[in-house]
């Protein structure tokens, strides 16, 4: 058997077409109306609206532009319904808030689609839908019940796929039925990120890579922000760091759980095999506790397969584990070469809900729970409306949800690896 990992790159597949590079350092102003910490989808989404409103804005990114999760994800878009399900949400937040959250979530993909059209960003956006497979018969039954409540609450276009029709969606015997969602889609995240950077700059905003924020202090008129390239006076500060929230903002760091997600990409697959494995070219996932997510590459020639990492930022180890999971779904890929393996940090909130708002003078948007492609630009935009006093446009169903922490948690989720291992064992035994 050939070495399927020979020559494998440890950089994202997306960077082949849209490489990250060390561009010339952008000159910094010493004073701005607003400074955004974090140059991902949230930060750029916020900066776009701030710049368009006539405010001077500086986005500070600690590494190369797009070096973090914004270009390391799978490029999958969807409503990202709450992991608690409809009944779980009702138990926590009541019926009115639950329906508000669910209905607002169905608009995330439309928001991205309209933004791309408005800003003329070409990033291979394709609204192909999503198939979620039931890993066990009991999962199919519970998915059917949950779908009924989702449709009742939102009117979302989706339908059950019984076991005998699974092959219409995906070429595997692994699933006992599933759900077909029509609203989901995919894009090329690195090209999307580059497009947002262009839009912010064309609107008069400054996006500065390799500009690490090292300290933030309150002043009488706003904030003094220390960076690796000098100090900046800012009237307002927005924290949009998500899984990369650091020690400079300890209150926020204690309220998000950074979780590593890893992805592999296969070599180009023969067209007839690709047609059999992914006949509809949708986005895909399953019902396991440690859900795998996968999709075709935008050109339809490769399979990108992702899941939660337990080996840190170790491309080969993560690739070996993901390949086992991939072969469980697609055994025909046993001799297919893995060309890329990479990872990045997502951020979970303790209540599994995205959060935005203001704390102690700092504005923030974070906690996208592994679904930041669709959520982040939306919440970054909503955050700016709040910052500028546009109450009507800034209103969301997610307002005033407390961003919680846990006793003794300081930002180091040392317990996540054993939890992931435990869930993997439960999945293995079908518990």
Protein backbone atom coordinates (compact mmCIF):
# COMPACT_ATOMS: atom_id res chain seq x y z
CA UNK A 1 0.00 0.00 0.00
CA UNK A 2 1.40 3.43 -0.88
CA UNK A 3 2.17 6.00 1.79
CA UNK A 4 -0.99 8.08 1.54
CA UNK A 5 0.61 10.87 3.59
CA UNK A 6 3.75 11.27 1.47
CA UNK A 7 4.30 14.91 0.55
CA UNK A 8 1.33 16.07 2.63
CA UNK A 9 1.18 19.82 3.30
CA UNK A 10 0.53 21.13 6.81
CA UNK A 11 -1.13 24.27 5.46
CA UNK A 12 -4.82 24.68 4.56
CA UNK A 13 -5.95 23.53 1.13
CA UNK A 14 -7.46 27.01 0.69
CA UNK A 15 -4.03 28.63 0.78
CA UNK A 16 -2.97 26.98 -2.47
CA UNK A 17 -5.26 29.36 -4.34
CA UNK A 18 -5.23 32.24 -1.85
CA UNK A 19 -1.85 32.15 -0.07
CA UNK A 20 -1.17 33.94 3.20
CA UNK A 21 1.90 36.12 3.01
CA UNK A 22 3.89 38.66 4.92
CA UNK A 23 2.70 41.84 3.25
CA UNK A 24 4.39 45.16 3.94
CA UNK A 25 3.35 46.49 7.32
CA UNK A 26 0.43 48.93 7.10
CA UNK A 27 1.16 52.34 8.65
CA UNK A 28 -0.79 52.90 11.88
CA UNK A 29 -2.66 56.00 12.92
CA UNK A 30 -2.04 57.16 16.45
CA UNK A 31 -5.74 57.89 16.99
CA UNK A 32 -8.91 56.28 15.61
CA UNK A 33 -12.62 56.31 16.36
CA UNK A 34 -12.71 52.55 16.77
CA UNK A 35 -10.13 49.79 17.10
CA UNK A 36 -11.06 46.18 16.39
CA UNK A 37 -8.99 43.41 17.97
CA UNK A 38 -8.98 40.43 15.60
CA UNK A 39 -8.92 40.37 11.81
CA UNK A 40 -11.22 37.42 11.18
CA UNK A 41 -14.76 37.44 9.83
CA UNK A 42 -16.20 39.18 12.92
CA UNK A 43 -13.59 41.91 13.02
CA UNK A 44 -13.72 42.57 9.29
CA UNK A 45 -17.51 42.49 9.30
CA UNK A 46 -17.49 45.12 12.03
CA UNK A 47 -14.83 47.23 10.31
CA UNK A 48 -16.74 47.20 7.03
CA UNK A 49 -19.76 48.89 8.58
CA UNK A 50 -17.69 51.24 10.76
CA UNK A 51 -15.69 52.47 7.78
CA UNK A 52 -18.83 52.89 5.68
CA UNK A 53 -20.35 55.03 8.45
CA UNK A 54 -17.49 57.52 8.13
CA UNK A 55 -15.65 56.47 11.29
CA UNK A 56 -11.91 55.92 11.31
CA UNK A 57 -11.26 52.26 12.13
CA UNK A 58 -8.18 50.13 12.69
CA UNK A 59 -8.24 46.31 12.67
CA UNK A 60 -5.32 44.74 14.54
CA UNK A 61 -4.42 41.14 13.66
CA UNK A 62 -1.57 39.53 15.60
CA UNK A 63 -0.36 37.31 12.73
CA UNK A 64 -0.49 37.43 8.96
CA UNK A 65 -3.90 38.49 7.67
CA UNK A 66 -6.19 35.50 7.56
CA UNK A 67 -3.74 33.27 9.37
CA UNK A 68 -6.31 32.13 11.94
CA UNK A 69 -9.61 30.29 11.85
CA UNK A 70 -11.17 32.44 9.10
CA UNK A 71 -9.06 30.63 6.48
CA UNK A 72 -8.66 27.32 8.36
CA UNK A 73 -12.31 26.22 8.43
CA UNK A 74 -14.29 24.04 6.03
CA UNK A 75 -16.11 26.92 4.34
CA UNK A 76 -19.54 25.50 5.25
CA UNK A 77 -22.57 27.74 5.83
CA UNK A 78 -25.83 26.98 7.57
CA UNK A 79 -28.34 28.16 10.15
CA UNK A 80 -26.39 26.29 12.83
CA UNK A 81 -29.37 25.46 14.99
CA UNK A 82 -28.67 25.26 18.70
CA UNK A 83 -27.20 21.99 19.95
CA UNK A 84 -29.84 21.85 22.69
CA UNK A 85 -32.57 21.44 20.10
CA UNK A 86 -35.91 23.23 20.12
CA UNK A 87 -37.12 21.72 23.37
CA UNK A 88 -33.79 22.35 25.08
CA UNK A 89 -33.85 25.98 24.01
CA UNK A 90 -37.40 26.38 25.31
CA UNK A 91 -36.35 24.97 28.67
CA UNK A 92 -33.52 27.50 28.92
CA UNK A 93 -34.96 30.62 27.32
CA UNK A 94 -38.71 30.18 26.91
CA UNK A 95 -40.75 29.80 23.75
CA UNK A 96 -40.59 33.41 22.50
CA UNK A 97 -36.79 33.70 22.75
CA UNK A 98 -36.38 30.20 21.26
CA UNK A 99 -38.44 31.00 18.17
CA UNK A 100 -36.57 34.29 17.80
CA UNK A 101 -33.17 32.54 17.89
CA UNK A 102 -34.23 29.85 15.43
CA UNK A 103 -35.81 32.22 12.94
CA UNK A 104 -32.89 34.64 13.04
CA UNK A 105 -30.52 31.71 12.48
CA UNK A 106 -32.27 30.78 9.24
CA UNK A 107 -31.21 34.16 7.84
CA UNK A 108 -27.44 33.71 8.31
CA UNK A 109 -26.82 32.18 4.87
CA UNK A 110 -28.99 34.79 3.13
CA UNK A 111 -26.99 37.49 4.90
CA UNK A 112 -23.72 36.10 3.51
CA UNK A 113 -25.20 35.66 0.04
CA UNK A 114 -26.43 39.27 -0.03
CA UNK A 115 -23.12 40.59 1.35
CA UNK A 116 -21.15 38.79 -1.37
CA UNK A 117 -23.39 40.25 -4.05
CA UNK A 118 -23.28 43.76 -2.57
CA UNK A 119 -19.50 43.79 -2.26
CA UNK A 120 -18.74 41.82 -5.45
CA UNK A 121 -16.77 39.16 -3.57
CA UNK A 122 -16.11 36.07 -5.71
CA UNK A 123 -15.46 33.15 -3.38
CA UNK A 124 -17.17 30.12 -4.94
CA UNK A 125 -20.38 30.55 -2.97
CA UNK A 126 -22.76 27.70 -3.76
CA UNK A 127 -26.04 27.04 -1.95
CA UNK A 128 -26.14 23.27 -2.52
CA UNK A 129 -27.85 22.31 0.75
CA UNK A 130 -26.68 19.90 3.45
CA UNK A 131 -27.27 16.23 4.24
CA UNK A 132 -27.04 15.17 7.88
CA UNK A 133 -26.77 11.41 8.24
CA UNK A 134 -28.23 9.34 11.08
CA UNK A 135 -25.44 7.15 12.41
CA UNK A 136 -27.90 4.81 14.16
CA UNK A 137 -31.61 3.98 13.79
CA UNK A 138 -32.40 5.67 17.11
CA UNK A 139 -30.72 8.83 15.82
CA UNK A 140 -32.99 8.83 12.77
CA UNK A 141 -36.07 8.68 15.00
CA UNK A 142 -34.88 11.58 17.17
CA UNK A 143 -33.84 13.59 14.10
CA UNK A 144 -37.35 13.13 12.68
CA UNK A 145 -38.90 14.51 15.86
CA UNK A 146 -36.47 17.45 15.95
CA UNK A 147 -37.06 18.26 12.28
CA UNK A 148 -40.79 18.47 12.88
CA UNK A 149 -40.28 21.07 15.60
CA UNK A 150 -37.73 22.99 13.50
CA UNK A 151 -40.10 23.20 10.53
CA UNK A 152 -42.96 24.19 12.83
CA UNK A 153 -40.85 26.95 14.42
CA UNK A 154 -39.16 28.35 11.30
CA UNK A 155 -40.77 27.01 8.15
CA UNK A 156 -37.31 25.96 6.98
CA UNK A 157 -37.20 23.89 3.80
CA UNK A 158 -36.00 20.44 4.81
CA UNK A 159 -37.11 16.85 4.59
CA UNK A 160 -36.37 13.41 5.96
CA UNK A 161 -34.39 11.03 3.81
CA UNK A 162 -35.38 7.42 4.65
CA UNK A 163 -32.71 4.69 4.72
CA UNK A 164 -33.50 3.36 1.25
CA UNK A 165 -32.90 6.81 -0.29
CA UNK A 166 -29.60 7.66 1.41
CA UNK A 167 -27.63 6.79 -1.73
CA UNK A 168 -29.37 9.63 -3.55
CA UNK A 169 -27.46 11.96 -1.22
CA UNK A 170 -24.20 10.21 -0.41
CA UNK A 171 -22.41 7.06 -1.56
CA UNK A 172 -22.10 5.18 1.72
CA UNK A 173 -23.86 2.44 3.70
CA UNK A 174 -22.89 4.13 6.95
CA UNK A 175 -26.19 5.97 7.60
CA UNK A 176 -29.65 4.86 8.67
CA UNK A 177 -31.45 7.73 6.94
CA UNK A 178 -30.97 11.43 7.50
CA UNK A 179 -32.20 14.96 6.83
CA UNK A 180 -31.79 17.08 3.72
CA UNK A 181 -31.58 20.84 4.40
CA UNK A 182 -31.90 23.12 1.38
CA UNK A 183 -30.67 26.38 2.95
CA UNK A 184 -27.02 25.42 3.59
CA UNK A 185 -24.11 26.17 1.31
CA UNK A 186 -20.38 26.50 0.99
CA UNK A 187 -17.70 28.96 -0.08
CA UNK A 188 -13.92 29.37 -0.33
CA UNK A 189 -13.12 30.92 3.08
CA UNK A 190 -9.69 32.33 2.18
CA UNK A 191 -11.06 34.12 -0.89
CA UNK A 192 -13.96 35.37 1.23
CA UNK A 193 -11.53 36.71 3.83
CA UNK A 194 -9.42 38.42 1.17
CA UNK A 195 -12.56 39.98 -0.26
CA UNK A 196 -13.55 41.42 3.12
CA UNK A 197 -10.06 42.87 3.62
CA UNK A 198 -10.34 44.57 0.23
CA UNK A 199 -13.76 46.01 1.03
CA UNK A 200 -12.65 47.42 4.39
CA UNK A 201 -9.60 49.06 2.85
CA UNK A 202 -11.53 50.48 -0.09
CA UNK A 203 -13.98 51.96 2.44
CA UNK A 204 -11.18 53.80 4.23
CA UNK A 205 -10.48 51.36 7.07
CA UNK A 206 -7.00 50.15 8.03
CA UNK A 207 -6.39 46.40 8.35
CA UNK A 208 -3.01 45.77 9.95
CA UNK A 209 -1.47 42.32 10.05
CA UNK A 210 1.38 41.39 12.39
CA UNK A 211 0.10 44.00 14.82
CA UNK A 212 -0.44 42.28 18.15
CA UNK A 213 -2.45 44.05 20.83
CA UNK A 214 -0.37 43.78 24.01
CA UNK A 215 -2.41 45.91 26.39
CA UNK A 216 -5.58 47.98 26.69
CA UNK A 217 -6.06 50.73 29.27
CA UNK A 218 -9.03 53.00 29.92
CA UNK A 219 -8.52 56.74 29.53
CA UNK A 220 -10.82 59.66 30.15
CA UNK A 221 -11.92 59.81 26.53
CA UNK A 222 -11.69 56.16 25.55
CA UNK A 223 -8.80 53.69 25.46
CA UNK A 224 -5.05 53.56 25.08
CA UNK A 225 -4.23 50.42 23.09
CA UNK A 226 -0.65 49.18 23.16
CA UNK A 227 0.38 47.17 20.09
CA UNK A 228 3.62 45.52 18.94
CA UNK A 229 4.01 48.49 16.59
CA UNK A 230 3.13 51.35 18.89
CA UNK A 231 0.27 52.84 20.92
CA UNK A 232 -3.08 53.89 19.50
CA UNK A 233 -5.77 56.06 21.10
CA UNK A 234 -9.23 54.69 20.35
CA UNK A 235 -12.68 56.01 21.16
CA UNK A 236 -14.16 52.51 21.14
CA UNK A 237 -12.70 48.99 21.24
CA UNK A 238 -14.30 45.83 19.86
CA UNK A 239 -13.01 42.38 20.88
CA UNK A 240 -13.49 39.94 17.99
CA UNK A 241 -10.92 37.27 18.81
CA UNK A 242 -13.17 34.20 19.31
CA UNK A 243 -10.96 31.07 19.68
CA UNK A 244 -7.83 33.21 19.84
CA UNK A 245 -8.92 35.34 22.82
CA UNK A 246 -5.81 35.89 24.93
CA UNK A 247 -4.52 37.19 28.24
CA UNK A 248 -4.89 40.84 27.22
CA UNK A 249 -8.65 40.46 27.76
CA UNK A 250 -8.90 38.04 30.72
CA UNK A 251 -12.62 38.59 31.37
CA UNK A 252 -13.45 37.38 27.86
CA UNK A 253 -10.80 34.64 27.91
CA UNK A 254 -12.54 33.07 30.93
CA UNK A 255 -15.82 32.87 28.98
CA UNK A 256 -14.87 31.06 25.80
CA UNK A 257 -13.53 27.56 25.30
CA UNK A 258 -10.97 27.36 22.48
CA UNK A 259 -11.38 24.01 20.71
CA UNK A 260 -9.12 22.77 17.95
CA UNK A 261 -10.76 21.59 14.77
CA UNK A 262 -8.75 19.81 12.06
CA UNK A 263 -9.37 19.05 8.39
CA UNK A 264 -7.77 16.88 5.72
CA UNK A 265 -8.05 17.18 1.95
CA UNK A 266 -7.73 14.30 -0.48
CA UNK A 267 -6.00 14.34 -3.80
CA UNK A 268 -8.18 14.81 -6.88
CA UNK A 269 -10.58 11.88 -7.20
CA UNK A 270 -11.71 10.28 -10.43
CA UNK A 271 -14.94 12.01 -11.59
CA UNK A 272 -16.98 8.82 -11.65
CA UNK A 273 -15.98 8.01 -8.06
CA UNK A 274 -16.72 11.55 -6.92
CA UNK A 275 -20.13 11.33 -8.58
CA UNK A 276 -20.86 8.16 -6.63
CA UNK A 277 -19.62 9.39 -3.24
CA UNK A 278 -21.08 12.91 -3.36
CA UNK A 279 -23.71 12.86 -6.12
CA UNK A 280 -25.41 16.09 -5.02
CA UNK A 281 -22.21 17.96 -4.04
CA UNK A 282 -23.85 19.12 -0.80
CA UNK A 283 -22.31 19.86 2.56
CA UNK A 284 -22.35 16.82 4.87
CA UNK A 285 -22.40 15.89 8.55
CA UNK A 286 -23.67 13.18 10.86
CA UNK A 287 -25.41 12.60 14.18
CA UNK A 288 -22.52 11.40 16.33
CA UNK A 289 -21.48 13.23 19.51
CA UNK A 290 -18.20 14.06 17.78
CA UNK A 291 -19.74 15.03 14.50
CA UNK A 292 -17.59 14.81 11.41
CA UNK A 293 -18.18 17.39 8.70
CA UNK A 294 -17.20 17.07 5.06
CA UNK A 295 -17.76 18.56 1.66
CA UNK A 296 -16.49 18.58 -1.91
CA UNK A 297 -13.88 21.14 -2.83
CA UNK A 298 -15.36 24.09 -4.74
CA UNK A 299 -14.20 22.58 -8.05
CA UNK A 300 -15.81 19.25 -7.14
CA UNK A 301 -12.62 17.19 -7.46
CA UNK A 302 -11.59 16.53 -3.83
CA UNK A 303 -13.13 15.67 -0.48
CA UNK A 304 -12.44 17.84 2.55
CA UNK A 305 -13.09 15.97 5.80
CA UNK A 306 -13.01 17.58 9.26
CA UNK A 307 -13.59 16.94 12.95
CA UNK A 308 -12.41 17.82 16.44
CA UNK A 309 -8.70 17.35 17.09
CA UNK A 310 -7.27 15.65 20.19
CA UNK A 311 -3.59 15.89 19.27
CA UNK A 312 -3.10 19.65 19.33
CA UNK A 313 -1.56 21.28 16.29
CA UNK A 314 -0.04 18.03 14.97
CA UNK A 315 -0.94 17.66 11.29
CA UNK A 316 0.19 14.06 10.76
CA UNK A 317 -1.42 12.69 13.93
CA UNK A 318 -4.66 14.52 13.23
CA UNK A 319 -4.60 13.39 9.61
CA UNK A 320 -4.29 9.73 10.62
CA UNK A 321 -7.27 9.99 12.96
CA UNK A 322 -9.41 11.88 10.47
CA UNK A 323 -8.55 9.41 7.71
CA UNK A 324 -9.89 6.54 9.88
CA UNK A 325 -13.14 8.48 10.32
CA UNK A 326 -13.26 9.26 6.59
CA UNK A 327 -12.78 5.60 5.64
CA UNK A 328 -15.61 4.68 7.97
CA UNK A 329 -17.85 6.72 5.68
CA UNK A 330 -16.04 6.19 2.38
CA UNK A 331 -14.04 2.91 2.43
CA UNK A 332 -13.37 3.32 -1.32
CA UNK A 333 -10.82 6.02 -0.43
CA UNK A 334 -8.41 3.58 1.26
CA UNK A 335 -5.65 4.23 -1.29
CA UNK A 336 -6.45 7.89 -1.89
CA UNK A 337 -3.58 10.22 -0.98
CA UNK A 338 -4.05 12.91 1.68
CA UNK A 339 -2.55 16.14 0.35
CA UNK A 340 -3.28 18.61 3.16
CA UNK A 341 -3.82 18.46 6.92
CA UNK A 342 -4.38 21.55 9.01
CA UNK A 343 -6.19 22.85 12.08
CA UNK A 344 -7.44 26.00 13.76
CA UNK A 345 -9.22 27.16 16.90
CA UNK A 346 -12.95 27.64 17.21
CA UNK A 347 -14.59 28.92 20.39
CA UNK A 348 -17.52 27.57 22.35
CA UNK A 349 -19.48 29.47 24.95
CA UNK A 350 -20.58 27.49 27.99
CA UNK A 351 -24.22 27.76 26.91
CA UNK A 352 -23.45 26.85 23.24
CA UNK A 353 -24.82 30.21 22.03
CA UNK A 354 -23.01 33.04 20.18
CA UNK A 355 -22.73 36.25 22.17
CA UNK A 356 -22.44 39.93 21.40
CA UNK A 357 -22.79 43.08 23.40
CA UNK A 358 -20.86 45.38 25.74
CA UNK A 359 -18.98 44.73 28.99
CA UNK A 360 -17.20 47.40 30.99
CA UNK A 361 -16.91 49.64 27.94
CA UNK A 362 -15.63 46.87 25.64
CA UNK A 363 -17.78 45.71 22.74
CA UNK A 364 -17.54 42.04 21.77
CA UNK A 365 -18.80 39.31 19.45
CA UNK A 366 -17.62 35.72 19.95
CA UNK A 367 -18.54 32.13 20.84
CA UNK A 368 -19.68 30.81 17.46
CA UNK A 369 -19.46 27.18 18.60
CA UNK A 370 -17.81 25.84 15.45
CA UNK A 371 -20.16 27.61 13.02
CA UNK A 372 -18.40 30.92 12.55
CA UNK A 373 -18.41 31.17 8.75
CA UNK A 374 -22.09 32.05 8.64
CA UNK A 375 -22.36 33.58 12.09
CA UNK A 376 -19.26 35.75 12.45
CA UNK A 377 -19.76 38.37 9.73
CA UNK A 378 -23.42 38.66 10.74
CA UNK A 379 -22.67 39.23 14.42
CA UNK A 380 -19.78 41.57 13.63
CA UNK A 381 -22.20 43.68 11.59
CA UNK A 382 -24.87 43.65 14.29
CA UNK A 383 -22.24 44.63 16.87
CA UNK A 384 -21.39 47.83 15.00
CA UNK A 385 -25.00 48.91 14.87
CA UNK A 386 -25.00 48.59 18.65
CA UNK A 387 -21.74 50.52 18.94
CA UNK A 388 -23.13 53.38 16.84
CA UNK A 389 -26.45 53.58 18.68
CA UNK A 390 -28.61 52.12 15.89
CA UNK A 391 -30.87 50.19 18.25
CA UNK A 392 -33.27 48.93 15.61
CA UNK A 393 -30.64 47.52 13.22
CA UNK A 394 -28.52 46.21 16.08
CA UNK A 395 -31.30 44.25 17.76
CA UNK A 396 -30.96 40.45 17.76
CA UNK A 397 -32.67 37.51 19.44
CA UNK A 398 -29.31 36.84 21.11
CA UNK A 399 -29.29 40.13 23.05
CA UNK A 400 -28.75 40.11 26.81
CA UNK A 401 -27.77 36.45 27.04
CA UNK A 402 -25.21 36.32 29.86
CA UNK A 403 -21.68 35.38 28.75
CA UNK A 404 -20.98 32.91 31.50
CA UNK A 405 -17.88 31.27 32.90
CA UNK A 406 -17.24 28.49 35.41
CA UNK A 407 -15.44 28.51 38.77
CA UNK A 408 -11.65 28.19 38.47
CA UNK A 409 -11.70 28.38 34.66
CA UNK A 410 -9.04 30.84 33.44
CA UNK A 411 -9.05 30.21 29.69
CA UNK A 412 -7.04 26.98 29.46
CA UNK A 413 -9.49 24.19 28.53
CA UNK A 414 -7.25 21.36 29.77
CA UNK A 415 -10.31 19.18 30.22
CA UNK A 416 -11.42 19.24 26.57
CA UNK A 417 -9.11 16.48 25.33
CA UNK A 418 -10.37 13.83 27.81
CA UNK A 419 -13.97 14.94 27.13
CA UNK A 420 -13.45 14.51 23.38
CA UNK A 421 -11.85 11.10 23.96
CA UNK A 422 -14.80 10.07 26.14
CA UNK A 423 -17.32 11.15 23.51
CA UNK A 424 -15.34 9.32 20.84
CA UNK A 425 -15.56 6.13 22.89
CA UNK A 426 -19.33 6.57 23.37
CA UNK A 427 -19.72 7.04 19.61
CA UNK A 428 -17.68 3.92 18.96
CA UNK A 429 -19.97 1.79 21.13
CA UNK A 430 -23.17 3.51 20.06
CA UNK A 431 -24.03 4.76 23.52
